[in-house]
N, C-alpha and C. Protein backbone atom coordinates (compact mmCIF):
# COMPACT_ATOMS: atom_id res chain seq x y z
N LEU A 1 160.96 153.12 126.82
CA LEU A 1 162.03 153.27 127.77
C LEU A 1 161.85 154.55 128.58
N LYS A 2 161.39 155.62 127.94
CA LYS A 2 161.17 156.88 128.64
C LYS A 2 160.09 156.73 129.71
N THR A 3 159.07 155.95 129.44
CA THR A 3 158.00 155.70 130.41
C THR A 3 158.53 154.95 131.62
N ILE A 4 159.38 153.97 131.40
CA ILE A 4 159.95 153.19 132.50
C ILE A 4 160.83 154.07 133.38
N VAL A 5 161.66 154.91 132.76
CA VAL A 5 162.52 155.81 133.52
C VAL A 5 161.67 156.80 134.31
N GLY A 6 160.60 157.30 133.73
CA GLY A 6 159.69 158.21 134.43
C GLY A 6 159.02 157.55 135.62
N ALA A 7 158.61 156.29 135.45
CA ALA A 7 157.98 155.57 136.56
C ALA A 7 158.98 155.31 137.68
N MET A 8 160.22 155.01 137.34
CA MET A 8 161.25 154.79 138.37
C MET A 8 161.54 156.09 139.12
N ALA A 9 161.55 157.21 138.42
CA ALA A 9 161.78 158.50 139.08
C ALA A 9 160.64 158.82 140.03
N LEU A 10 159.42 158.49 139.66
CA LEU A 10 158.28 158.72 140.53
C LEU A 10 158.35 157.82 141.75
N LEU A 11 158.79 156.58 141.58
CA LEU A 11 158.91 155.65 142.69
C LEU A 11 160.01 156.07 143.66
N SER A 12 160.99 156.82 143.18
CA SER A 12 162.04 157.32 144.07
C SER A 12 161.69 158.69 144.64
N PHE A 13 160.42 159.06 144.56
CA PHE A 13 159.91 160.31 145.12
C PHE A 13 160.56 161.54 144.49
N ASP A 14 160.92 161.47 143.22
CA ASP A 14 161.48 162.62 142.52
C ASP A 14 160.32 163.50 142.08
N LEU A 15 160.03 164.52 142.88
CA LEU A 15 158.89 165.39 142.59
C LEU A 15 159.14 166.34 141.43
N LYS A 16 160.38 166.42 140.96
CA LYS A 16 160.68 167.25 139.80
C LYS A 16 159.95 166.72 138.57
N LEU A 17 159.69 165.42 138.56
CA LEU A 17 158.96 164.81 137.46
C LEU A 17 157.54 165.36 137.38
N LEU A 18 156.94 165.63 138.55
CA LEU A 18 155.57 166.15 138.59
C LEU A 18 155.52 167.67 138.47
N GLN A 19 156.67 168.32 138.43
CA GLN A 19 156.80 169.76 138.29
C GLN A 19 156.04 170.51 139.37
N VAL A 20 156.26 170.12 140.63
CA VAL A 20 155.59 170.77 141.74
C VAL A 20 156.11 172.18 141.97
N GLU A 21 157.26 172.53 141.37
CA GLU A 21 157.80 173.88 141.52
C GLU A 21 156.84 174.92 140.97
N CYS A 22 156.01 174.53 140.03
CA CYS A 22 155.05 175.47 139.44
C CYS A 22 154.06 175.97 140.49
N SER A 23 153.66 175.11 141.40
CA SER A 23 152.69 175.52 142.41
C SER A 23 153.32 175.85 143.76
N MET A 24 154.52 175.33 144.05
CA MET A 24 155.14 175.53 145.35
C MET A 24 156.29 176.52 145.33
N GLY A 25 156.69 176.98 144.17
CA GLY A 25 157.82 177.90 144.08
C GLY A 25 159.13 177.16 143.97
N SER A 26 160.22 177.92 143.93
CA SER A 26 161.52 177.31 143.72
C SER A 26 162.25 176.96 145.02
N ASP A 27 161.68 177.33 146.17
CA ASP A 27 162.29 177.00 147.46
C ASP A 27 162.31 175.48 147.63
N PRO A 28 163.47 174.88 147.91
CA PRO A 28 163.56 173.42 147.98
C PRO A 28 162.93 172.82 149.25
N VAL A 29 162.71 173.61 150.29
CA VAL A 29 162.21 173.07 151.56
C VAL A 29 160.79 172.52 151.45
N PRO A 30 159.82 173.26 150.88
CA PRO A 30 158.47 172.67 150.77
C PRO A 30 158.43 171.40 149.92
N GLY A 31 159.21 171.37 148.85
CA GLY A 31 159.27 170.17 148.02
C GLY A 31 159.84 168.98 148.78
N TYR A 32 160.88 169.24 149.56
CA TYR A 32 161.47 168.17 150.35
C TYR A 32 160.51 167.71 151.45
N ALA A 33 159.83 168.65 152.08
CA ALA A 33 158.85 168.29 153.11
C ALA A 33 157.72 167.45 152.51
N LEU A 34 157.27 167.82 151.32
CA LEU A 34 156.23 167.03 150.65
C LEU A 34 156.75 165.64 150.32
N ARG A 35 158.00 165.56 149.89
CA ARG A 35 158.62 164.27 149.58
C ARG A 35 158.63 163.37 150.82
N GLN A 36 158.92 163.96 151.97
CA GLN A 36 158.98 163.18 153.22
C GLN A 36 157.58 162.81 153.71
N ALA A 37 156.57 163.57 153.32
CA ALA A 37 155.20 163.32 153.78
C ALA A 37 154.46 162.30 152.92
N ILE A 38 155.03 161.88 151.81
CA ILE A 38 154.33 160.98 150.90
C ILE A 38 153.94 159.67 151.60
N VAL A 39 154.87 159.05 152.31
CA VAL A 39 154.57 157.75 152.94
C VAL A 39 153.55 157.89 154.07
N PRO A 40 153.70 158.83 155.02
CA PRO A 40 152.67 158.96 156.04
C PRO A 40 151.28 159.27 155.47
N ILE A 41 151.23 160.11 154.43
CA ILE A 41 149.95 160.40 153.80
C ILE A 41 149.39 159.15 153.14
N SER A 42 150.26 158.36 152.50
CA SER A 42 149.82 157.12 151.86
C SER A 42 149.27 156.14 152.89
N ILE A 43 149.91 156.05 154.05
CA ILE A 43 149.44 155.15 155.10
C ILE A 43 148.09 155.62 155.62
N ALA A 44 147.90 156.93 155.76
CA ALA A 44 146.61 157.47 156.20
C ALA A 44 145.52 157.14 155.17
N ILE A 45 145.84 157.25 153.89
CA ILE A 45 144.88 156.91 152.84
C ILE A 45 144.55 155.42 152.88
N ILE A 46 145.57 154.58 153.08
CA ILE A 46 145.33 153.14 153.21
C ILE A 46 144.41 152.85 154.38
N MET A 47 144.63 153.53 155.51
CA MET A 47 143.78 153.32 156.68
C MET A 47 142.33 153.70 156.37
N LEU A 48 142.13 154.81 155.69
CA LEU A 48 140.77 155.23 155.34
C LEU A 48 140.10 154.25 154.38
N LEU A 49 140.86 153.80 153.38
CA LEU A 49 140.28 152.86 152.40
C LEU A 49 139.94 151.51 153.03
N VAL A 50 140.83 151.00 153.88
CA VAL A 50 140.56 149.72 154.53
C VAL A 50 139.39 149.86 155.52
N ALA A 51 139.34 150.98 156.23
CA ALA A 51 138.22 151.20 157.16
C ALA A 51 136.90 151.31 156.39
N GLY A 52 136.92 151.98 155.23
CA GLY A 52 135.72 152.05 154.39
C GLY A 52 135.31 150.68 153.88
N LYS A 53 136.28 149.87 153.52
CA LYS A 53 135.99 148.51 153.07
C LYS A 53 135.38 147.70 154.20
N LYS A 54 135.93 147.84 155.40
CA LYS A 54 135.41 147.10 156.56
C LYS A 54 134.01 147.57 156.93
N TYR A 55 133.73 148.84 156.75
CA TYR A 55 132.40 149.37 157.04
C TYR A 55 131.37 148.75 156.12
N ARG A 56 131.76 148.51 154.87
CA ARG A 56 130.82 147.91 153.90
C ARG A 56 130.71 146.40 154.06
N ASN A 57 131.82 145.70 154.27
CA ASN A 57 131.81 144.23 154.27
C ASN A 57 131.73 143.61 155.65
N LYS A 58 132.25 144.25 156.67
CA LYS A 58 132.25 143.78 158.06
C LYS A 58 132.91 142.42 158.23
N SER A 59 133.88 142.08 157.41
CA SER A 59 134.57 140.80 157.56
C SER A 59 136.06 141.04 157.75
N GLY A 60 136.71 140.17 158.48
CA GLY A 60 138.15 140.27 158.69
C GLY A 60 138.51 141.24 159.80
N GLU A 61 139.81 141.31 160.06
CA GLU A 61 140.30 142.19 161.12
C GLU A 61 140.86 143.46 160.50
N LEU A 62 140.43 144.59 161.01
CA LEU A 62 140.82 145.88 160.48
C LEU A 62 142.32 146.12 160.62
N LEU A 63 142.86 145.93 161.82
CA LEU A 63 144.27 146.20 162.06
C LEU A 63 145.18 145.31 161.22
N VAL A 64 144.81 144.06 161.07
CA VAL A 64 145.62 143.12 160.29
C VAL A 64 145.70 143.58 158.83
N GLU A 65 144.59 144.00 158.28
CA GLU A 65 144.61 144.44 156.88
C GLU A 65 145.37 145.74 156.69
N ILE A 66 145.26 146.66 157.66
CA ILE A 66 145.99 147.92 157.56
C ILE A 66 147.49 147.66 157.62
N VAL A 67 147.92 146.84 158.58
CA VAL A 67 149.35 146.54 158.72
C VAL A 67 149.87 145.79 157.50
N ASN A 68 149.09 144.85 156.99
CA ASN A 68 149.51 144.07 155.83
C ASN A 68 149.65 144.96 154.59
N THR A 69 148.67 145.80 154.34
CA THR A 69 148.71 146.66 153.15
C THR A 69 149.80 147.72 153.28
N SER A 70 149.92 148.33 154.45
CA SER A 70 150.97 149.34 154.65
C SER A 70 152.35 148.70 154.56
N GLY A 71 152.50 147.52 155.11
CA GLY A 71 153.78 146.82 155.04
C GLY A 71 154.18 146.47 153.63
N ALA A 72 153.21 146.05 152.82
CA ALA A 72 153.50 145.74 151.42
C ALA A 72 153.94 146.99 150.67
N MET A 73 153.28 148.11 150.95
CA MET A 73 153.66 149.36 150.30
C MET A 73 155.05 149.80 150.76
N LEU A 74 155.33 149.70 152.05
CA LEU A 74 156.63 150.11 152.57
C LEU A 74 157.77 149.22 152.07
N ARG A 75 157.48 147.94 151.85
CA ARG A 75 158.51 147.06 151.28
C ARG A 75 158.96 147.55 149.92
N VAL A 76 158.01 148.07 149.15
CA VAL A 76 158.32 148.53 147.80
C VAL A 76 159.12 149.83 147.82
N VAL A 77 158.79 150.75 148.72
CA VAL A 77 159.39 152.08 148.70
C VAL A 77 160.43 152.29 149.80
N PHE A 78 160.80 151.25 150.53
CA PHE A 78 161.67 151.41 151.69
C PHE A 78 163.00 152.06 151.35
N LEU A 79 163.68 151.57 150.36
CA LEU A 79 164.98 152.13 150.00
C LEU A 79 164.86 153.59 149.56
N SER A 80 163.81 153.90 148.83
CA SER A 80 163.58 155.29 148.42
C SER A 80 163.35 156.19 149.62
N VAL A 81 162.63 155.70 150.62
CA VAL A 81 162.37 156.49 151.83
C VAL A 81 163.67 156.73 152.58
N VAL A 82 164.49 155.69 152.73
CA VAL A 82 165.77 155.84 153.43
C VAL A 82 166.67 156.83 152.69
N MET A 83 166.79 156.67 151.39
CA MET A 83 167.64 157.58 150.61
C MET A 83 167.12 159.02 150.68
N SER A 84 165.82 159.17 150.59
CA SER A 84 165.23 160.50 150.64
C SER A 84 165.45 161.16 152.00
N SER A 85 165.40 160.38 153.06
CA SER A 85 165.56 160.96 154.40
C SER A 85 167.00 161.38 154.69
N ILE A 86 167.97 160.77 154.00
CA ILE A 86 169.37 161.16 154.26
C ILE A 86 169.93 162.12 153.20
N LEU A 87 169.12 162.50 152.22
CA LEU A 87 169.60 163.41 151.17
C LEU A 87 170.20 164.71 151.71
N PRO A 88 169.63 165.34 152.74
CA PRO A 88 170.25 166.59 153.22
C PRO A 88 171.65 166.39 153.81
N LEU A 89 172.00 165.18 154.13
CA LEU A 89 173.31 164.91 154.72
C LEU A 89 174.38 164.62 153.67
N ILE A 90 173.99 164.54 152.41
CA ILE A 90 174.93 164.26 151.32
C ILE A 90 175.30 165.59 150.67
N CYS A 91 176.52 166.04 150.96
CA CYS A 91 176.99 167.35 150.50
C CYS A 91 178.29 167.19 149.71
N TYR A 92 178.60 168.20 148.93
CA TYR A 92 179.90 168.23 148.25
C TYR A 92 180.59 169.55 148.57
N ASN A 93 181.90 169.54 148.59
CA ASN A 93 182.68 170.71 148.99
C ASN A 93 182.92 171.65 147.81
N HIS A 94 182.93 172.95 148.14
CA HIS A 94 183.31 173.99 147.19
C HIS A 94 184.78 174.34 147.42
N PRO A 95 185.43 174.92 146.45
CA PRO A 95 186.82 175.37 146.66
C PRO A 95 186.94 176.44 147.77
N THR A 96 185.84 177.14 148.05
CA THR A 96 185.87 178.19 149.07
C THR A 96 185.78 177.63 150.49
N GLY A 97 185.55 176.34 150.63
CA GLY A 97 185.43 175.73 151.94
C GLY A 97 184.00 175.46 152.36
N GLN A 98 183.03 176.04 151.67
CA GLN A 98 181.63 175.76 151.96
C GLN A 98 181.23 174.47 151.25
N SER A 99 180.04 173.98 151.57
CA SER A 99 179.55 172.78 150.89
C SER A 99 178.06 172.96 150.58
N SER A 100 177.61 172.29 149.53
CA SER A 100 176.22 172.33 149.09
C SER A 100 175.65 170.94 149.05
N MET A 101 174.32 170.87 149.14
CA MET A 101 173.65 169.58 148.99
C MET A 101 173.79 169.09 147.55
N VAL A 102 173.99 167.82 147.37
CA VAL A 102 174.08 167.25 146.03
C VAL A 102 172.74 167.36 145.33
N ASP A 103 171.66 167.13 146.05
CA ASP A 103 170.31 167.14 145.47
C ASP A 103 169.83 168.56 145.17
N SER A 104 170.21 169.53 145.99
CA SER A 104 169.82 170.94 145.80
C SER A 104 171.07 171.81 145.94
N PRO A 105 171.81 172.00 144.86
CA PRO A 105 173.09 172.73 144.95
C PRO A 105 172.97 174.16 145.46
N SER A 106 171.79 174.75 145.39
CA SER A 106 171.62 176.12 145.87
C SER A 106 171.57 176.21 147.39
N VAL A 107 171.46 175.08 148.07
CA VAL A 107 171.35 175.05 149.53
C VAL A 107 172.73 174.74 150.12
N LEU A 108 173.25 175.66 150.91
CA LEU A 108 174.54 175.46 151.57
C LEU A 108 174.35 174.59 152.81
N CYS A 109 175.18 173.57 152.94
CA CYS A 109 175.06 172.63 154.04
C CYS A 109 175.42 173.28 155.37
N PHE A 110 174.55 173.14 156.33
CA PHE A 110 174.71 173.63 157.70
C PHE A 110 174.99 175.12 157.79
N ALA A 111 174.69 175.88 156.72
CA ALA A 111 174.85 177.32 156.74
C ALA A 111 173.52 178.03 156.48
N ASP A 112 172.62 177.38 155.78
CA ASP A 112 171.31 177.95 155.47
C ASP A 112 170.26 177.42 156.44
N GLN A 113 169.26 178.27 156.71
CA GLN A 113 168.11 177.81 157.50
C GLN A 113 167.36 176.74 156.71
N ALA A 114 167.37 176.85 155.39
CA ALA A 114 166.70 175.85 154.55
C ALA A 114 167.32 174.47 154.77
N HIS A 115 168.63 174.41 154.86
CA HIS A 115 169.29 173.12 155.06
C HIS A 115 168.97 172.55 156.43
N ILE A 116 168.97 173.40 157.45
CA ILE A 116 168.63 172.93 158.80
C ILE A 116 167.21 172.37 158.80
N SER A 117 166.28 173.05 158.14
CA SER A 117 164.89 172.57 158.06
C SER A 117 164.82 171.23 157.35
N MET A 118 165.59 171.08 156.29
CA MET A 118 165.58 169.82 155.54
C MET A 118 166.20 168.69 156.36
N VAL A 119 167.25 168.97 157.12
CA VAL A 119 167.86 167.96 157.99
C VAL A 119 166.86 167.51 159.05
N VAL A 120 166.15 168.47 159.66
CA VAL A 120 165.15 168.14 160.67
C VAL A 120 164.04 167.29 160.07
N ALA A 121 163.56 167.66 158.88
CA ALA A 121 162.52 166.87 158.20
C ALA A 121 163.01 165.47 157.86
N GLY A 122 164.26 165.36 157.43
CA GLY A 122 164.83 164.05 157.10
C GLY A 122 164.97 163.16 158.32
N ILE A 123 165.43 163.74 159.43
CA ILE A 123 165.55 162.96 160.66
C ILE A 123 164.16 162.54 161.16
N ALA A 124 163.20 163.45 161.09
CA ALA A 124 161.84 163.12 161.51
C ALA A 124 161.26 161.99 160.65
N SER A 125 161.49 162.05 159.35
CA SER A 125 161.02 160.99 158.46
C SER A 125 161.69 159.66 158.80
N PHE A 126 162.97 159.70 159.10
CA PHE A 126 163.68 158.48 159.45
C PHE A 126 163.13 157.88 160.74
N VAL A 127 162.87 158.73 161.72
CA VAL A 127 162.37 158.26 163.02
C VAL A 127 160.91 157.79 162.93
N VAL A 128 160.09 158.48 162.14
CA VAL A 128 158.66 158.17 162.07
C VAL A 128 158.35 157.03 161.10
N VAL A 129 159.12 156.89 160.03
CA VAL A 129 158.81 155.89 159.01
C VAL A 129 159.78 154.71 159.03
N VAL A 130 161.07 154.99 158.94
CA VAL A 130 162.06 153.93 158.76
C VAL A 130 162.23 153.09 160.04
N CYS A 131 162.45 153.75 161.16
CA CYS A 131 162.70 153.01 162.41
C CYS A 131 161.53 152.11 162.83
N PRO A 132 160.27 152.61 162.81
CA PRO A 132 159.16 151.70 163.16
C PRO A 132 159.03 150.52 162.20
N PHE A 133 159.26 150.76 160.91
CA PHE A 133 159.17 149.65 159.95
C PHE A 133 160.24 148.61 160.22
N LEU A 134 161.48 149.06 160.47
CA LEU A 134 162.56 148.13 160.79
C LEU A 134 162.26 147.36 162.08
N ALA A 135 161.70 148.05 163.08
CA ALA A 135 161.35 147.39 164.34
C ALA A 135 160.27 146.34 164.14
N LEU A 136 159.26 146.64 163.33
CA LEU A 136 158.21 145.66 163.07
C LEU A 136 158.74 144.46 162.30
N VAL A 137 159.61 144.71 161.34
CA VAL A 137 160.18 143.60 160.56
C VAL A 137 161.05 142.73 161.47
N ALA A 138 161.86 143.35 162.32
CA ALA A 138 162.70 142.58 163.26
C ALA A 138 161.85 141.79 164.22
N CYS A 139 160.79 142.40 164.74
CA CYS A 139 159.91 141.70 165.68
C CYS A 139 159.22 140.51 165.01
N ALA A 140 158.72 140.72 163.79
CA ALA A 140 158.07 139.63 163.08
C ALA A 140 159.05 138.53 162.72
N THR A 141 160.28 138.90 162.39
CA THR A 141 161.30 137.90 162.06
C THR A 141 161.63 137.05 163.28
N LEU A 142 161.82 137.70 164.41
CA LEU A 142 162.15 136.97 165.63
C LEU A 142 160.98 136.13 166.14
N ARG A 143 159.78 136.63 165.96
CA ARG A 143 158.59 135.92 166.44
C ARG A 143 158.28 134.68 165.61
N PHE A 144 158.43 134.78 164.29
CA PHE A 144 158.04 133.68 163.42
C PHE A 144 159.28 133.10 162.82
C-alpha cells in the first residue's frame, strides 16, 4: 500500500517524495518551477526518443508518433498538470488578514515575490501545456 501511495504522489508531481529540497534548498519557487517544467521536459525527451527511433528505422511519420506519444502521456497527467498550475491561487486566510498558500504555508499570497513568481510560472504552465492540449483535443473531437 505504501508503494502505491508513493507512486500516486509521484504522478501528481509531488517533488517532496523525491526530496529535491536537499539539492535545491528550502525555497519553494525552484521546486515549483521544476514541477511545472516536468511535462515540457518530458515532451522534449519524447521528441528526441521518437526522432532517434525514426533515424534508425526510417518508417512511419515522425510528427504523428510524437503527437500520439505526447498525447497519451498528457492524458495520464492532465489533471495533475491543471492542479499543479493553479496551486499558487489556492490560499487560506490568517486571523491577521493575510493569507498563505495551502501547498506552501510559508509563502504569503500576493505579498511575497516568491508567490508572484509561482503565480507567473503557474499561468505560463497553464498557457503552454493545458490550453494547447485542450485545443488539440477539441479540434480532434470536432474533426472526427
